[in-house]
N, C-alpha and C. Protein backbone atom coordinates (compact mmCIF):
# COMPACT_ATOMS: atom_id res chain seq x y z
N MET A 1 0.82 -1.21 0.00
CA MET A 1 0.00 0.00 0.00
C MET A 1 0.86 1.26 0.00
N LEU A 2 1.95 1.22 0.76
CA LEU A 2 2.84 2.37 0.84
C LEU A 2 3.46 2.65 -0.51
N ILE A 3 3.90 1.57 -1.18
CA ILE A 3 4.52 1.72 -2.50
C ILE A 3 3.53 2.28 -3.50
N GLU A 4 2.28 1.76 -3.42
CA GLU A 4 1.24 2.24 -4.34
C GLU A 4 0.94 3.72 -4.09
N GLY A 5 0.94 4.09 -2.80
CA GLY A 5 0.68 5.48 -2.46
C GLY A 5 1.76 6.40 -2.98
N VAL A 6 3.01 5.99 -2.83
CA VAL A 6 4.14 6.78 -3.32
C VAL A 6 4.08 6.90 -4.83
N PHE A 7 3.75 5.79 -5.50
CA PHE A 7 3.64 5.78 -6.96
C PHE A 7 2.56 6.75 -7.42
N PHE A 8 1.40 6.72 -6.71
CA PHE A 8 0.28 7.59 -7.07
C PHE A 8 0.67 9.06 -6.92
N LEU A 9 1.37 9.39 -5.81
CA LEU A 9 1.79 10.77 -5.57
C LEU A 9 2.77 11.23 -6.64
N ASN A 10 3.73 10.35 -6.99
CA ASN A 10 4.71 10.70 -8.02
C ASN A 10 4.04 10.90 -9.37
N PHE A 11 3.08 10.03 -9.68
CA PHE A 11 2.37 10.13 -10.95
C PHE A 11 1.55 11.41 -11.00
N SER A 12 0.88 11.71 -9.87
CA SER A 12 0.07 12.93 -9.79
C SER A 12 0.94 14.17 -9.95
N ASN A 13 2.10 14.18 -9.31
CA ASN A 13 3.03 15.30 -9.44
C ASN A 13 3.51 15.46 -10.87
N LEU A 14 3.75 14.33 -11.53
CA LEU A 14 4.22 14.35 -12.92
C LEU A 14 3.15 14.96 -13.82
N VAL A 15 1.91 14.56 -13.59
CA VAL A 15 0.80 15.09 -14.39
C VAL A 15 0.70 16.61 -14.20
N HIS A 16 0.80 17.05 -12.94
CA HIS A 16 0.74 18.48 -12.65
C HIS A 16 1.87 19.23 -13.33
N LEU A 17 3.06 18.64 -13.33
CA LEU A 17 4.21 19.29 -13.97
C LEU A 17 4.01 19.39 -15.48
N ILE A 18 3.45 18.35 -16.07
CA ILE A 18 3.19 18.34 -17.51
C ILE A 18 2.18 19.43 -17.87
N ILE A 19 1.11 19.53 -17.07
CA ILE A 19 0.08 20.54 -17.30
C ILE A 19 0.66 21.94 -17.14
N LEU A 20 1.46 22.14 -16.08
CA LEU A 20 2.09 23.43 -15.83
C LEU A 20 3.01 23.81 -16.98
N ASN A 21 3.80 22.86 -17.44
CA ASN A 21 4.72 23.11 -18.55
C ASN A 21 3.95 23.49 -19.81
N HIS A 22 2.82 22.83 -20.03
CA HIS A 22 1.99 23.12 -21.20
C HIS A 22 1.44 24.55 -21.12
N ILE A 23 0.97 24.94 -19.95
CA ILE A 23 0.44 26.29 -19.76
C ILE A 23 1.52 27.34 -19.98
N ILE A 24 2.71 27.08 -19.42
CA ILE A 24 3.82 28.04 -19.57
C ILE A 24 4.21 28.19 -21.03
N MET A 25 4.31 27.07 -21.73
CA MET A 25 4.68 27.13 -23.15
C MET A 25 3.64 27.89 -23.96
N ASN A 26 2.36 27.68 -23.64
CA ASN A 26 1.30 28.41 -24.35
C ASN A 26 1.40 29.91 -24.09
N ILE A 27 1.71 30.27 -22.84
CA ILE A 27 1.86 31.69 -22.49
C ILE A 27 3.02 32.31 -23.27
N VAL A 28 4.14 31.60 -23.29
CA VAL A 28 5.33 32.10 -23.98
C VAL A 28 5.06 32.27 -25.47
N GLN A 29 4.43 31.28 -26.08
CA GLN A 29 4.14 31.35 -27.51
C GLN A 29 3.16 32.47 -27.84
N ARG A 30 2.14 32.60 -27.00
CA ARG A 30 1.14 33.65 -27.24
C ARG A 30 1.75 35.02 -27.05
N ALA A 31 2.53 35.21 -25.99
CA ALA A 31 3.17 36.51 -25.73
C ALA A 31 4.14 36.86 -26.85
N LYS A 32 4.90 35.88 -27.28
CA LYS A 32 5.87 36.09 -28.37
C LYS A 32 5.13 36.50 -29.64
N GLY A 33 4.03 35.82 -29.94
CA GLY A 33 3.28 36.12 -31.15
C GLY A 33 2.64 37.49 -31.11
N ILE A 34 2.04 37.86 -29.98
CA ILE A 34 1.31 39.13 -29.89
C ILE A 34 2.27 40.31 -29.88
N ILE A 35 3.52 40.09 -29.45
CA ILE A 35 4.51 41.18 -29.42
C ILE A 35 5.23 41.32 -30.76
N LEU A 36 5.62 40.19 -31.34
CA LEU A 36 6.42 40.23 -32.57
C LEU A 36 5.58 40.24 -33.84
N LYS A 37 4.46 39.52 -33.84
CA LYS A 37 3.61 39.45 -35.03
C LYS A 37 2.15 39.62 -34.63
N PRO A 38 1.79 40.80 -34.15
CA PRO A 38 0.44 41.03 -33.62
C PRO A 38 -0.69 40.78 -34.61
N LYS A 39 -0.53 41.19 -35.85
CA LYS A 39 -1.60 40.99 -36.84
C LYS A 39 -1.93 39.52 -37.01
N GLU A 40 -0.88 38.72 -37.22
CA GLU A 40 -1.09 37.29 -37.40
C GLU A 40 -1.66 36.63 -36.15
N GLU A 41 -1.19 37.09 -34.98
CA GLU A 41 -1.64 36.49 -33.72
C GLU A 41 -3.10 36.83 -33.45
N TRP A 42 -3.53 38.04 -33.78
CA TRP A 42 -4.93 38.42 -33.58
C TRP A 42 -5.85 37.55 -34.42
N GLU A 43 -5.42 37.21 -35.61
CA GLU A 43 -6.24 36.35 -36.46
C GLU A 43 -6.43 34.98 -35.81
N LYS A 44 -5.36 34.47 -35.19
CA LYS A 44 -5.46 33.19 -34.50
C LYS A 44 -6.39 33.31 -33.29
N ILE A 45 -6.21 34.37 -32.52
CA ILE A 45 -7.01 34.56 -31.31
C ILE A 45 -8.49 34.72 -31.64
N SER A 46 -8.77 35.41 -32.75
CA SER A 46 -10.17 35.66 -33.12
C SER A 46 -10.92 34.37 -33.43
N GLN A 47 -10.18 33.31 -33.76
CA GLN A 47 -10.81 32.02 -34.07
C GLN A 47 -11.04 31.18 -32.82
N GLU A 48 -10.50 31.61 -31.70
CA GLU A 48 -10.64 30.87 -30.45
C GLU A 48 -11.90 31.30 -29.72
N ASN A 49 -12.39 30.44 -28.86
CA ASN A 49 -13.60 30.75 -28.09
C ASN A 49 -13.37 30.51 -26.60
N ASN A 50 -12.28 31.07 -26.10
CA ASN A 50 -11.97 30.92 -24.68
C ASN A 50 -12.81 31.88 -23.84
N SER A 51 -13.26 31.42 -22.69
CA SER A 51 -14.03 32.28 -21.79
C SER A 51 -13.09 33.24 -21.08
N HIS A 52 -13.65 34.30 -20.53
CA HIS A 52 -12.82 35.27 -19.82
C HIS A 52 -12.15 34.64 -18.60
N SER A 53 -12.81 33.67 -17.97
CA SER A 53 -12.22 33.00 -16.81
C SER A 53 -11.02 32.15 -17.20
N THR A 54 -11.09 31.52 -18.36
CA THR A 54 -9.96 30.72 -18.85
C THR A 54 -8.77 31.61 -19.15
N ILE A 55 -9.02 32.73 -19.81
CA ILE A 55 -7.95 33.67 -20.14
C ILE A 55 -7.35 34.25 -18.87
N LEU A 56 -8.21 34.53 -17.89
CA LEU A 56 -7.75 35.07 -16.61
C LEU A 56 -6.78 34.12 -15.92
N ILE A 57 -7.17 32.86 -15.80
CA ILE A 57 -6.38 31.88 -15.07
C ILE A 57 -5.13 31.45 -15.83
N ASN A 58 -5.30 31.20 -17.12
CA ASN A 58 -4.19 30.63 -17.91
C ASN A 58 -3.27 31.66 -18.54
N TYR A 59 -3.64 32.94 -18.49
CA TYR A 59 -2.78 33.94 -19.14
C TYR A 59 -2.58 35.21 -18.32
N LEU A 60 -3.68 35.87 -17.96
CA LEU A 60 -3.55 37.18 -17.32
C LEU A 60 -2.87 37.11 -15.96
N ILE A 61 -3.33 36.22 -15.08
CA ILE A 61 -2.73 36.14 -13.75
C ILE A 61 -1.24 35.81 -13.80
N PRO A 62 -0.83 34.79 -14.57
CA PRO A 62 0.62 34.51 -14.64
C PRO A 62 1.43 35.69 -15.14
N LEU A 63 0.95 36.41 -16.15
CA LEU A 63 1.70 37.56 -16.66
C LEU A 63 1.63 38.75 -15.70
N ALA A 64 0.48 38.93 -15.05
CA ALA A 64 0.33 40.04 -14.12
C ALA A 64 1.25 39.88 -12.91
N LEU A 65 1.66 38.65 -12.64
CA LEU A 65 2.57 38.42 -11.52
C LEU A 65 3.98 38.93 -11.82
N ILE A 66 4.30 39.11 -13.10
CA ILE A 66 5.64 39.59 -13.47
C ILE A 66 5.90 40.99 -12.89
N PRO A 67 5.08 42.00 -13.23
CA PRO A 67 5.33 43.32 -12.64
C PRO A 67 5.09 43.36 -11.13
N ALA A 68 4.15 42.54 -10.66
CA ALA A 68 3.85 42.53 -9.22
C ALA A 68 5.05 42.04 -8.42
N ILE A 69 5.62 40.91 -8.83
CA ILE A 69 6.78 40.34 -8.13
C ILE A 69 8.01 41.23 -8.32
N ALA A 70 8.15 41.77 -9.54
CA ALA A 70 9.29 42.65 -9.82
C ALA A 70 9.24 43.90 -8.94
N SER A 71 8.04 44.48 -8.77
CA SER A 71 7.92 45.68 -7.94
C SER A 71 8.12 45.35 -6.47
N LEU A 72 7.72 44.15 -6.07
CA LEU A 72 7.97 43.71 -4.70
C LEU A 72 9.47 43.66 -4.42
N ILE A 73 10.21 43.11 -5.37
CA ILE A 73 11.67 43.03 -5.23
C ILE A 73 12.28 44.43 -5.33
N GLY A 74 11.82 45.20 -6.31
CA GLY A 74 12.40 46.52 -6.54
C GLY A 74 12.20 47.48 -5.40
N TYR A 75 10.97 47.58 -4.93
CA TYR A 75 10.67 48.53 -3.86
C TYR A 75 10.86 47.93 -2.47
N GLY A 76 10.63 46.62 -2.35
CA GLY A 76 10.70 45.99 -1.04
C GLY A 76 12.08 45.54 -0.62
N LEU A 77 12.91 45.14 -1.60
CA LEU A 77 14.23 44.62 -1.27
C LEU A 77 15.36 45.55 -1.73
N ILE A 78 15.27 46.02 -2.96
CA ILE A 78 16.32 46.90 -3.49
C ILE A 78 16.10 48.33 -3.01
N GLY A 79 14.88 48.80 -3.12
CA GLY A 79 14.54 50.13 -2.63
C GLY A 79 14.70 51.22 -3.66
N TYR A 80 13.94 52.30 -3.45
CA TYR A 80 14.01 53.44 -4.36
C TYR A 80 13.66 54.71 -3.58
N GLY A 81 14.67 55.48 -3.24
CA GLY A 81 14.46 56.72 -2.51
C GLY A 81 13.77 56.47 -1.17
N PRO A 82 12.75 57.28 -0.86
CA PRO A 82 12.05 57.13 0.42
C PRO A 82 11.14 55.92 0.45
N PHE A 83 10.91 55.31 -0.72
CA PHE A 83 10.02 54.16 -0.81
C PHE A 83 10.84 52.87 -0.81
N SER A 84 11.40 52.57 0.32
CA SER A 84 12.32 51.44 0.43
C SER A 84 12.01 50.61 1.68
N SER A 85 10.97 49.82 1.59
CA SER A 85 10.64 48.93 2.70
C SER A 85 9.87 47.75 2.16
N LEU A 86 9.94 46.65 2.89
CA LEU A 86 9.23 45.45 2.46
C LEU A 86 7.73 45.70 2.45
N SER A 87 7.26 46.47 3.43
CA SER A 87 5.84 46.79 3.51
C SER A 87 5.38 47.56 2.28
N PHE A 88 6.18 48.56 1.87
CA PHE A 88 5.84 49.34 0.69
C PHE A 88 5.88 48.47 -0.56
N GLY A 89 6.87 47.58 -0.63
CA GLY A 89 6.98 46.68 -1.78
C GLY A 89 5.78 45.77 -1.92
N ILE A 90 5.30 45.23 -0.80
CA ILE A 90 4.13 44.35 -0.81
C ILE A 90 2.89 45.12 -1.27
N LYS A 91 2.72 46.31 -0.71
CA LYS A 91 1.56 47.13 -1.07
C LYS A 91 1.60 47.52 -2.54
N HIS A 92 2.77 47.86 -3.03
CA HIS A 92 2.91 48.24 -4.44
C HIS A 92 2.61 47.05 -5.34
N ALA A 93 3.04 45.86 -4.92
CA ALA A 93 2.78 44.65 -5.70
C ALA A 93 1.28 44.36 -5.76
N ILE A 94 0.59 44.56 -4.64
CA ILE A 94 -0.85 44.34 -4.59
C ILE A 94 -1.57 45.30 -5.53
N ILE A 95 -1.12 46.56 -5.50
CA ILE A 95 -1.72 47.57 -6.37
C ILE A 95 -1.54 47.18 -7.83
N MET A 96 -0.35 46.74 -8.19
CA MET A 96 -0.06 46.34 -9.57
C MET A 96 -0.97 45.20 -10.00
N LEU A 97 -1.10 44.19 -9.14
CA LEU A 97 -1.87 43.00 -9.47
C LEU A 97 -3.37 43.30 -9.57
N VAL A 98 -3.89 44.00 -8.57
CA VAL A 98 -5.33 44.30 -8.54
C VAL A 98 -5.72 45.26 -9.66
N SER A 99 -4.91 46.27 -9.90
CA SER A 99 -5.23 47.24 -10.94
C SER A 99 -5.18 46.61 -12.33
N THR A 100 -4.27 45.66 -12.52
CA THR A 100 -4.17 44.98 -13.82
C THR A 100 -5.39 44.11 -14.07
N ILE A 101 -5.73 43.27 -13.10
CA ILE A 101 -6.86 42.36 -13.27
C ILE A 101 -8.19 43.12 -13.26
N GLY A 102 -8.35 44.00 -12.27
CA GLY A 102 -9.58 44.79 -12.21
C GLY A 102 -9.75 45.69 -13.41
N GLY A 103 -8.62 46.28 -13.85
CA GLY A 103 -8.66 47.15 -15.02
C GLY A 103 -9.06 46.41 -16.28
N ALA A 104 -8.58 45.17 -16.43
CA ALA A 104 -8.91 44.37 -17.60
C ALA A 104 -10.41 44.09 -17.66
N TYR A 105 -10.98 43.71 -16.52
CA TYR A 105 -12.41 43.40 -16.48
C TYR A 105 -13.26 44.65 -16.74
N LEU A 106 -12.91 45.74 -16.10
CA LEU A 106 -13.70 46.96 -16.24
C LEU A 106 -13.58 47.54 -17.65
N THR A 107 -12.37 47.56 -18.19
CA THR A 107 -12.15 48.08 -19.54
C THR A 107 -12.89 47.23 -20.57
N ALA A 108 -12.80 45.91 -20.42
CA ALA A 108 -13.49 45.00 -21.35
C ALA A 108 -15.00 45.20 -21.28
N PHE A 109 -15.50 45.42 -20.06
CA PHE A 109 -16.94 45.64 -19.86
C PHE A 109 -17.39 46.88 -20.64
N ILE A 110 -16.64 47.96 -20.54
CA ILE A 110 -17.02 49.20 -21.21
C ILE A 110 -16.88 49.07 -22.73
N ILE A 111 -15.78 48.47 -23.18
CA ILE A 111 -15.57 48.29 -24.62
C ILE A 111 -16.68 47.42 -25.21
N ASP A 112 -17.11 46.42 -24.48
CA ASP A 112 -18.17 45.53 -24.94
C ASP A 112 -19.50 46.28 -25.03
N ILE A 113 -19.80 47.11 -24.03
CA ILE A 113 -21.04 47.88 -24.05
C ILE A 113 -21.07 48.85 -25.23
N LEU A 114 -19.91 49.42 -25.55
CA LEU A 114 -19.83 50.41 -26.63
C LEU A 114 -19.85 49.78 -28.03
N ALA A 115 -19.62 48.48 -28.11
CA ALA A 115 -19.49 47.79 -29.40
C ALA A 115 -20.62 48.11 -30.40
N PRO A 116 -21.89 47.98 -30.02
CA PRO A 116 -22.97 48.25 -30.99
C PRO A 116 -22.95 49.67 -31.54
N SER A 117 -22.45 50.60 -30.77
CA SER A 117 -22.40 52.00 -31.21
C SER A 117 -21.44 52.19 -32.38
N PHE A 118 -20.53 51.24 -32.55
CA PHE A 118 -19.55 51.33 -33.64
C PHE A 118 -19.71 50.18 -34.63
N GLY A 119 -20.88 49.60 -34.65
CA GLY A 119 -21.18 48.53 -35.61
C GLY A 119 -20.42 47.25 -35.33
N ALA A 120 -19.89 47.12 -34.11
CA ALA A 120 -19.13 45.93 -33.75
C ALA A 120 -20.02 44.90 -33.05
N GLU A 121 -19.53 43.69 -32.92
CA GLU A 121 -20.28 42.63 -32.25
C GLU A 121 -20.10 42.73 -30.74
N LYS A 122 -21.18 42.56 -30.03
CA LYS A 122 -21.14 42.60 -28.57
C LYS A 122 -20.80 41.19 -28.08
N ASN A 123 -19.60 41.05 -27.51
CA ASN A 123 -19.14 39.75 -27.03
C ASN A 123 -18.12 40.00 -25.93
N TYR A 124 -18.53 39.78 -24.68
CA TYR A 124 -17.65 40.13 -23.56
C TYR A 124 -16.37 39.32 -23.55
N ASP A 125 -16.44 38.03 -23.86
CA ASP A 125 -15.23 37.21 -23.85
C ASP A 125 -14.21 37.71 -24.87
N LYS A 126 -14.69 38.13 -26.03
CA LYS A 126 -13.80 38.67 -27.05
C LYS A 126 -13.21 40.01 -26.61
N ALA A 127 -14.05 40.83 -25.98
CA ALA A 127 -13.57 42.13 -25.49
C ALA A 127 -12.52 41.94 -24.41
N PHE A 128 -12.75 40.96 -23.54
CA PHE A 128 -11.79 40.68 -22.48
C PHE A 128 -10.47 40.18 -23.07
N ALA A 129 -10.56 39.30 -24.06
CA ALA A 129 -9.35 38.80 -24.72
C ALA A 129 -8.61 39.95 -25.39
N LEU A 130 -9.34 40.86 -26.02
CA LEU A 130 -8.74 42.02 -26.69
C LEU A 130 -7.91 42.83 -25.70
N VAL A 131 -8.50 43.14 -24.56
CA VAL A 131 -7.83 43.96 -23.55
C VAL A 131 -6.63 43.23 -22.95
N VAL A 132 -6.84 41.98 -22.56
CA VAL A 132 -5.78 41.22 -21.89
C VAL A 132 -4.56 41.02 -22.78
N PHE A 133 -4.77 40.61 -24.00
CA PHE A 133 -3.62 40.36 -24.88
C PHE A 133 -2.94 41.66 -25.29
N ALA A 134 -3.70 42.76 -25.31
CA ALA A 134 -3.08 44.06 -25.58
C ALA A 134 -2.22 44.51 -24.40
N TYR A 135 -2.50 43.98 -23.22
CA TYR A 135 -1.69 44.27 -22.03
C TYR A 135 -0.31 43.60 -22.10
N THR A 136 -0.18 42.60 -22.94
CA THR A 136 1.01 41.75 -22.94
C THR A 136 2.35 42.49 -22.94
N PRO A 137 2.58 43.44 -23.87
CA PRO A 137 3.89 44.11 -23.88
C PRO A 137 4.25 44.76 -22.55
N GLN A 138 3.28 45.45 -21.95
CA GLN A 138 3.55 46.14 -20.69
C GLN A 138 3.77 45.15 -19.55
N LEU A 139 3.02 44.06 -19.53
CA LEU A 139 3.18 43.07 -18.46
C LEU A 139 4.53 42.37 -18.56
N VAL A 140 4.93 42.03 -19.76
CA VAL A 140 6.23 41.38 -19.95
C VAL A 140 7.35 42.35 -19.56
N ALA A 141 7.21 43.61 -19.99
CA ALA A 141 8.23 44.61 -19.66
C ALA A 141 8.19 44.98 -18.18
N GLY A 142 7.18 44.50 -17.47
CA GLY A 142 7.08 44.76 -16.04
C GLY A 142 8.24 44.22 -15.25
N VAL A 143 9.03 43.35 -15.86
CA VAL A 143 10.22 42.82 -15.19
C VAL A 143 11.20 43.94 -14.84
N PHE A 144 11.11 45.06 -15.56
CA PHE A 144 12.02 46.18 -15.30
C PHE A 144 11.75 46.85 -13.95
N TYR A 145 10.60 46.56 -13.35
CA TYR A 145 10.32 47.13 -12.03
C TYR A 145 11.25 46.58 -10.96
N ILE A 146 12.04 45.57 -11.30
CA ILE A 146 13.04 45.07 -10.36
C ILE A 146 13.99 46.21 -9.99
N LEU A 147 14.24 47.07 -10.98
CA LEU A 147 14.98 48.31 -10.73
C LEU A 147 14.00 49.44 -10.99
N PRO A 148 13.37 49.97 -9.94
CA PRO A 148 12.30 50.96 -10.09
C PRO A 148 12.62 52.12 -11.04
N VAL A 149 13.88 52.52 -11.10
CA VAL A 149 14.26 53.62 -11.97
C VAL A 149 14.02 53.26 -13.44
N LEU A 150 13.95 51.95 -13.74
CA LEU A 150 13.71 51.50 -15.12
C LEU A 150 12.23 51.24 -15.39
N GLY A 151 11.38 51.52 -14.40
CA GLY A 151 9.96 51.26 -14.55
C GLY A 151 9.33 51.99 -15.72
N VAL A 152 9.92 53.10 -16.12
CA VAL A 152 9.40 53.87 -17.25
C VAL A 152 9.42 53.05 -18.53
N LEU A 153 10.32 52.07 -18.61
CA LEU A 153 10.38 51.22 -19.81
C LEU A 153 9.12 50.38 -19.94
N ALA A 154 8.56 49.99 -18.82
CA ALA A 154 7.30 49.23 -18.85
C ALA A 154 6.17 50.11 -19.38
N LEU A 155 6.18 51.38 -19.00
CA LEU A 155 5.17 52.31 -19.49
C LEU A 155 5.32 52.54 -20.99
N LEU A 156 6.55 52.59 -21.46
CA LEU A 156 6.79 52.75 -22.89
C LEU A 156 6.30 51.52 -23.65
N ALA A 157 6.50 50.36 -23.05
CA ALA A 157 6.00 49.12 -23.66
C ALA A 157 4.47 49.16 -23.74
N GLY A 158 3.86 49.84 -22.76
CA GLY A 158 2.41 50.00 -22.76
C GLY A 158 1.93 50.78 -23.97
N LEU A 159 2.74 51.71 -24.46
CA LEU A 159 2.38 52.47 -25.66
C LEU A 159 2.31 51.54 -26.86
N TYR A 160 3.24 50.60 -26.92
CA TYR A 160 3.20 49.61 -28.00
C TYR A 160 1.95 48.74 -27.84
N GLY A 161 1.57 48.51 -26.59
CA GLY A 161 0.37 47.73 -26.32
C GLY A 161 -0.88 48.40 -26.88
N LEU A 162 -0.89 49.72 -26.92
CA LEU A 162 -2.02 50.45 -27.49
C LEU A 162 -2.10 50.21 -29.01
N TYR A 163 -0.94 50.11 -29.63
CA TYR A 163 -0.90 49.78 -31.07
C TYR A 163 -1.43 48.36 -31.29
N VAL A 164 -1.05 47.47 -30.40
CA VAL A 164 -1.54 46.08 -30.48
C VAL A 164 -3.06 46.07 -30.30
N LEU A 165 -3.56 46.90 -29.40
CA LEU A 165 -5.00 47.02 -29.19
C LEU A 165 -5.69 47.47 -30.47
N TYR A 166 -5.11 48.46 -31.12
CA TYR A 166 -5.68 48.97 -32.38
C TYR A 166 -5.78 47.87 -33.43
N LEU A 167 -4.73 47.08 -33.54
CA LEU A 167 -4.71 46.00 -34.54
C LEU A 167 -5.74 44.91 -34.22
N GLY A 168 -6.09 44.79 -32.94
CA GLY A 168 -6.99 43.70 -32.55
C GLY A 168 -8.46 44.04 -32.59
N ILE A 169 -8.80 45.32 -32.68
CA ILE A 169 -10.21 45.71 -32.63
C ILE A 169 -11.04 45.10 -33.77
N LYS A 170 -10.53 45.15 -34.99
CA LYS A 170 -11.31 44.64 -36.11
C LYS A 170 -11.49 43.12 -36.04
N PRO A 171 -10.41 42.33 -35.91
CA PRO A 171 -10.61 40.87 -35.87
C PRO A 171 -11.36 40.38 -34.64
N MET A 172 -11.21 41.05 -33.52
CA MET A 172 -11.83 40.57 -32.28
C MET A 172 -13.28 41.05 -32.12
N MET A 173 -13.54 42.31 -32.43
CA MET A 173 -14.88 42.87 -32.21
C MET A 173 -15.68 43.01 -33.51
N LYS A 174 -15.07 42.65 -34.63
CA LYS A 174 -15.73 42.69 -35.94
C LYS A 174 -16.25 44.08 -36.27
N SER A 175 -15.44 45.07 -35.96
CA SER A 175 -15.82 46.45 -36.23
C SER A 175 -15.62 46.77 -37.71
N PRO A 176 -16.56 47.49 -38.35
CA PRO A 176 -16.41 47.88 -39.76
C PRO A 176 -15.16 48.73 -39.95
N ASP A 177 -14.57 48.66 -41.13
CA ASP A 177 -13.34 49.38 -41.42
C ASP A 177 -13.45 50.88 -41.14
N ASP A 178 -14.61 51.47 -41.49
CA ASP A 178 -14.76 52.92 -41.37
C ASP A 178 -14.97 53.38 -39.93
N LYS A 179 -15.12 52.42 -39.00
CA LYS A 179 -15.36 52.79 -37.61
C LYS A 179 -14.26 52.28 -36.66
N VAL A 180 -13.29 51.57 -37.21
CA VAL A 180 -12.22 51.01 -36.38
C VAL A 180 -11.45 52.09 -35.64
N THR A 181 -11.07 53.14 -36.37
CA THR A 181 -10.25 54.20 -35.76
C THR A 181 -10.99 54.91 -34.63
N VAL A 182 -12.25 55.25 -34.87
CA VAL A 182 -13.03 55.94 -33.83
C VAL A 182 -13.23 55.02 -32.63
N TYR A 183 -13.54 53.76 -32.90
CA TYR A 183 -13.73 52.78 -31.82
C TYR A 183 -12.44 52.64 -31.01
N PHE A 184 -11.32 52.66 -31.70
CA PHE A 184 -10.03 52.57 -31.03
C PHE A 184 -9.78 53.78 -30.15
N ILE A 185 -10.06 54.97 -30.67
CA ILE A 185 -9.83 56.20 -29.90
C ILE A 185 -10.65 56.20 -28.61
N VAL A 186 -11.91 55.80 -28.74
CA VAL A 186 -12.77 55.73 -27.55
C VAL A 186 -12.25 54.66 -26.59
N SER A 187 -11.84 53.52 -27.14
CA SER A 187 -11.29 52.44 -26.30
C SER A 187 -10.01 52.90 -25.62
N LEU A 188 -9.20 53.67 -26.34
CA LEU A 188 -7.96 54.20 -25.79
C LEU A 188 -8.25 55.09 -24.58
N VAL A 189 -9.23 55.95 -24.72
CA VAL A 189 -9.62 56.83 -23.62
C VAL A 189 -10.08 56.00 -22.42
N VAL A 190 -10.85 54.96 -22.70
CA VAL A 190 -11.35 54.09 -21.63
C VAL A 190 -10.20 53.42 -20.90
N VAL A 191 -9.24 52.88 -21.65
CA VAL A 191 -8.08 52.21 -21.05
C VAL A 191 -7.32 53.16 -20.14
N ILE A 192 -7.05 54.37 -20.63
CA ILE A 192 -6.28 55.34 -19.85
C ILE A 192 -7.03 55.78 -18.60
N VAL A 193 -8.32 56.10 -18.75
CA VAL A 193 -9.12 56.56 -17.61
C VAL A 193 -9.22 55.47 -16.55
N VAL A 194 -9.53 54.25 -16.97
CA VAL A 194 -9.66 53.13 -16.02
C VAL A 194 -8.35 52.90 -15.28
N TYR A 195 -7.24 52.95 -16.02
CA TYR A 195 -5.93 52.71 -15.41
C TYR A 195 -5.63 53.74 -14.32
N PHE A 196 -5.81 55.01 -14.65
CA PHE A 196 -5.46 56.06 -13.69
C PHE A 196 -6.45 56.13 -12.52
N VAL A 197 -7.72 55.91 -12.78
CA VAL A 197 -8.70 55.93 -11.70
C VAL A 197 -8.46 54.80 -10.72
N LEU A 198 -8.29 53.58 -11.24
CA LEU A 198 -8.04 52.43 -10.37
C LEU A 198 -6.73 52.59 -9.61
N SER A 199 -5.69 53.00 -10.31
CA SER A 199 -4.39 53.18 -9.67
C SER A 199 -4.45 54.23 -8.56
N SER A 200 -5.16 55.32 -8.83
CA SER A 200 -5.28 56.39 -7.84
C SER A 200 -6.03 55.92 -6.60
N ILE A 201 -7.13 55.20 -6.82
CA ILE A 201 -7.93 54.70 -5.70
C ILE A 201 -7.13 53.71 -4.86
N LEU A 202 -6.49 52.76 -5.53
CA LEU A 202 -5.72 51.75 -4.81
C LEU A 202 -4.51 52.35 -4.09
N THR A 203 -3.88 53.33 -4.74
CA THR A 203 -2.73 53.99 -4.11
C THR A 203 -3.15 54.74 -2.86
N SER A 204 -4.28 55.44 -2.93
CA SER A 204 -4.75 56.18 -1.76
C SER A 204 -5.13 55.24 -0.62
N ILE A 205 -5.62 54.04 -0.97
CA ILE A 205 -6.03 53.08 0.05
C ILE A 205 -4.82 52.41 0.70
N PHE A 206 -3.88 51.95 -0.15
CA PHE A 206 -2.78 51.13 0.36
C PHE A 206 -1.56 51.93 0.81
N ILE A 207 -1.18 52.94 0.05
CA ILE A 207 0.09 53.60 0.38
C ILE A 207 -0.03 55.12 0.45
N GLY A 208 -1.24 55.63 0.60
CA GLY A 208 -1.40 57.07 0.72
C GLY A 208 -0.68 57.61 1.92
N SER A 209 -0.67 56.84 3.00
CA SER A 209 0.00 57.27 4.23
C SER A 209 1.50 57.39 4.05
N VAL A 210 2.03 56.55 3.16
CA VAL A 210 3.48 56.58 2.90
C VAL A 210 3.86 57.89 2.22
N PHE A 211 3.05 58.32 1.24
CA PHE A 211 3.31 59.57 0.54
C PHE A 211 3.16 60.76 1.48
N ARG A 212 2.16 60.70 2.36
CA ARG A 212 1.96 61.80 3.30
C ARG A 212 3.12 61.90 4.28
N ALA A 213 3.64 60.72 4.69
CA ALA A 213 4.77 60.70 5.61
C ALA A 213 6.02 61.27 4.92
N ALA A 214 6.18 60.88 3.64
CA ALA A 214 7.34 61.36 2.89
C ALA A 214 7.28 62.87 2.67
N ALA A 215 6.02 63.39 2.62
CA ALA A 215 5.85 64.83 2.40
C ALA A 215 5.89 65.61 3.72
N GLY A 216 5.92 64.90 4.83
CA GLY A 216 6.03 65.54 6.12
C GLY A 216 4.70 65.90 6.76
N PHE A 217 3.59 65.27 6.28
CA PHE A 217 2.27 65.57 6.85
C PHE A 217 1.93 64.59 7.97
């Protein structure tokens, strides 16, 4: 019985490792495709029918952990000016993770609601996929938060992500050619507003006291 139990545990662990390796490889291939060949990758994605929960678990959360963990190391262990403590690093990591996931859901919700106004198809799962995969460049570049002074590079990668978003609107939301640009501009405004509003709210909740202390209040 003991031998059978050990065998079962080893087999179960092997299965889990195989599944994990498969998920990681899929993430790497998808991220590589959306960054290097976005047009071709959007065509592939548009043919898929993954639910928002599947994309969340198998793609968004793993990638969102990159900037979160990097900022934890950067601010919590390496430090940056007055913001150099493990407590600040943890709070900053939470803000990064929550704002990314919450922002993706809220942005996708608004883009989906606006779809009929631009002759596009209303499909929340597609809208969520559009937003999440457009986040890819910035999330991957989030590794630069290990050195907070290089965090601006992640923001620059986010600008490329907006271009990726533009390329994905037509194949994902089936927007007519003459309305793609306007739909993109509105979506762009939504992305920016959601990002700053969520970040501001979370910052005031988690680390507002840190800024006030640094300012001498």
